[in-house]
Protein backbone atom coordinates (compact mmCIF):
# COMPACT_ATOMS: atom_id res chain seq x y z
CA MET A 1 142.83 -74.48 37.13
CA ASP A 2 142.88 -72.88 33.71
CA GLN A 3 145.95 -71.41 32.08
CA ILE A 4 145.07 -67.81 32.84
CA SER A 5 144.61 -68.53 36.54
CA HIS A 6 147.85 -70.51 36.63
CA TYR A 7 149.97 -67.74 35.12
CA ALA A 8 148.23 -65.00 37.08
CA SER A 9 148.91 -66.87 40.32
CA LYS A 10 152.60 -67.27 39.41
CA LEU A 11 152.93 -63.52 38.87
CA ALA A 12 151.22 -62.87 42.19
CA TYR A 13 154.02 -64.67 44.03
CA GLU A 14 157.12 -64.25 41.84
CA ILE A 15 159.09 -61.28 40.54
CA ASP A 16 162.05 -61.12 38.18
CA ALA A 17 165.11 -58.89 38.43
CA ALA A 18 163.88 -56.37 35.84
CA ASP A 19 160.53 -55.93 37.58
CA LEU A 20 162.19 -55.64 41.00
CA TYR A 21 164.64 -53.06 39.71
CA ALA A 22 161.81 -51.08 38.09
CA ALA A 23 159.76 -51.22 41.30
CA GLN A 24 162.75 -49.91 43.27
CA GLN A 25 163.29 -47.08 40.77
CA GLU A 26 159.59 -46.17 40.96
CA GLY A 27 159.84 -45.97 44.74
CA GLN A 28 157.33 -48.74 45.37
CA HIS A 29 156.92 -49.68 49.01
CA LEU A 30 158.97 -52.87 49.12
CA VAL A 31 161.73 -54.45 51.17
CA VAL A 32 164.27 -56.85 49.69
CA ILE A 33 165.18 -59.70 52.04
CA ASP A 34 168.35 -61.75 51.65
CA ALA A 35 167.27 -65.10 53.11
CA ARG A 36 170.76 -66.65 52.92
CA ASN A 37 173.15 -66.94 55.83
CA ALA A 38 174.85 -63.82 57.18
CA GLN A 39 178.24 -64.74 55.68
CA ALA A 40 176.80 -64.92 52.18
CA TYR A 41 175.06 -61.56 52.66
CA ALA A 42 178.33 -60.02 53.89
CA ALA A 43 180.16 -61.31 50.81
CA GLU A 44 177.67 -59.94 48.26
CA HIS A 45 174.07 -58.79 48.22
CA ILE A 46 171.52 -56.70 46.37
CA PRO A 47 171.81 -52.99 47.29
CA GLY A 48 169.42 -52.05 50.08
CA ALA A 49 168.62 -55.66 50.96
CA LEU A 50 168.20 -56.65 54.58
CA SER A 51 169.95 -59.74 55.86
CA LEU A 52 167.32 -61.97 57.44
CA PRO A 53 168.37 -65.62 57.14
CA HIS A 54 165.35 -67.89 56.76
CA ARG A 55 166.50 -70.03 59.70
CA SER A 56 166.17 -67.05 62.06
CA MET A 57 162.82 -65.75 60.80
CA ASP A 58 160.23 -65.74 63.53
CA ALA A 59 157.82 -63.34 65.24
CA THR A 60 160.66 -61.79 67.25
CA SER A 61 163.14 -61.26 64.39
CA THR A 62 160.44 -59.74 62.17
CA ALA A 63 158.69 -57.67 64.84
CA GLY A 64 160.15 -54.38 63.59
CA LEU A 65 159.33 -54.94 59.92
CA ASP A 66 156.74 -52.79 58.16
CA ARG A 67 153.63 -54.90 57.61
CA ALA A 68 152.42 -52.60 54.82
CA ALA A 69 155.43 -53.27 52.57
CA LEU A 70 155.81 -55.92 49.89
CA TYR A 71 158.71 -58.22 50.78
CA VAL A 72 160.90 -59.77 48.09
CA SER A 73 162.85 -62.80 49.27
CA TYR A 74 165.98 -63.95 47.45
CA CYS A 75 168.91 -66.35 47.74
CA ASP A 76 171.76 -67.45 45.44
CA GLY A 77 169.57 -68.70 42.61
CA ILE A 78 168.03 -71.82 41.19
CA GLY A 79 170.32 -74.18 43.12
CA CYS A 80 169.25 -72.70 46.46
CA ASN A 81 165.86 -72.71 48.15
CA ALA A 82 166.50 -70.21 50.95
CA SER A 83 164.32 -67.66 49.14
CA THR A 84 161.42 -70.13 49.06
CA LYS A 85 161.88 -70.99 52.73
CA GLY A 86 162.10 -67.29 53.58
CA ALA A 87 159.04 -66.40 51.54
CA LEU A 88 157.07 -69.19 53.20
CA LYS A 89 158.07 -68.11 56.70
CA LEU A 90 157.31 -64.45 55.99
CA ALA A 91 153.91 -65.37 54.54
CA GLN A 92 153.18 -67.54 57.58
CA LEU A 93 154.02 -64.53 59.75
CA GLY A 94 151.47 -62.42 57.85
CA PHE A 95 153.66 -60.51 55.41
CA THR A 96 152.96 -60.01 51.70
CA VAL A 97 155.83 -61.70 49.86
CA LYS A 98 157.17 -62.41 46.39
CA GLU A 99 160.15 -64.58 45.54
CA LEU A 100 162.88 -63.23 43.24
CA ILE A 101 163.16 -65.60 40.27
CA GLY A 102 166.79 -66.67 39.79
CA GLY A 103 167.96 -64.91 42.93
CA LEU A 104 171.26 -63.09 43.12
CA ASP A 105 172.60 -65.04 40.14
CA TRP A 106 169.99 -63.78 37.70
CA TRP A 107 170.07 -60.29 39.27
CA LYS A 108 173.75 -60.11 38.29
CA ARG A 109 173.20 -61.77 34.89
CA ASP A 110 170.72 -59.01 34.09
CA GLY A 111 173.47 -56.46 34.78
CA TYR A 112 172.29 -54.98 38.08
CA ARG A 113 174.92 -53.98 40.60
CA THR A 114 175.59 -55.68 43.92
CA VAL A 115 177.27 -54.70 47.15
CA LEU A 116 180.50 -56.62 47.69
CA GLY A 117 182.09 -57.37 51.04
CA SER A 118 184.93 -59.46 52.35
CA SER A 119 183.80 -60.92 55.63
CA THR A 120 183.38 -64.56 54.64
CA THR A 121 185.45 -66.99 56.66
CA ALA A 122 187.12 -70.26 55.77
CA ASP A 123 184.75 -72.24 57.97
CA SER A 124 181.60 -70.76 56.40
CA PRO A 125 179.28 -73.33 54.87
CA SER A 126 179.75 -73.60 51.12
CA CYS A 127 175.99 -73.47 50.63
CA ALA A 128 174.61 -70.04 51.44
CA CYS A 129 171.15 -71.56 51.81
CA ASN A 130 172.00 -72.73 55.33
């Protein structure tokens, strides 16, 4: 594979926070998926994101999703692979998917707002990737 093909293929499957934000502002047909557990989503998530933990993704849980949309899967960030697992499952189910580089961490570092909640519990796993 040459360099051009390598970098073009990366951009076909990854998106950064600035490009996601711009796509949202332009009204592009996309759906942001929080692939972390429900407790992590309830604590904080990207505005408009749907909670769809990667462990529960299957034909039944995704049956109502729009097949024409681009799906952007995210998790906590570089120390978490829930976004990768979610992107893989969505792709296996026939959806067009990109993974958000840096996840929620880099989304916030770039200054974009989040939705905060308070429904985490003491017995929630410390890793939101579960």
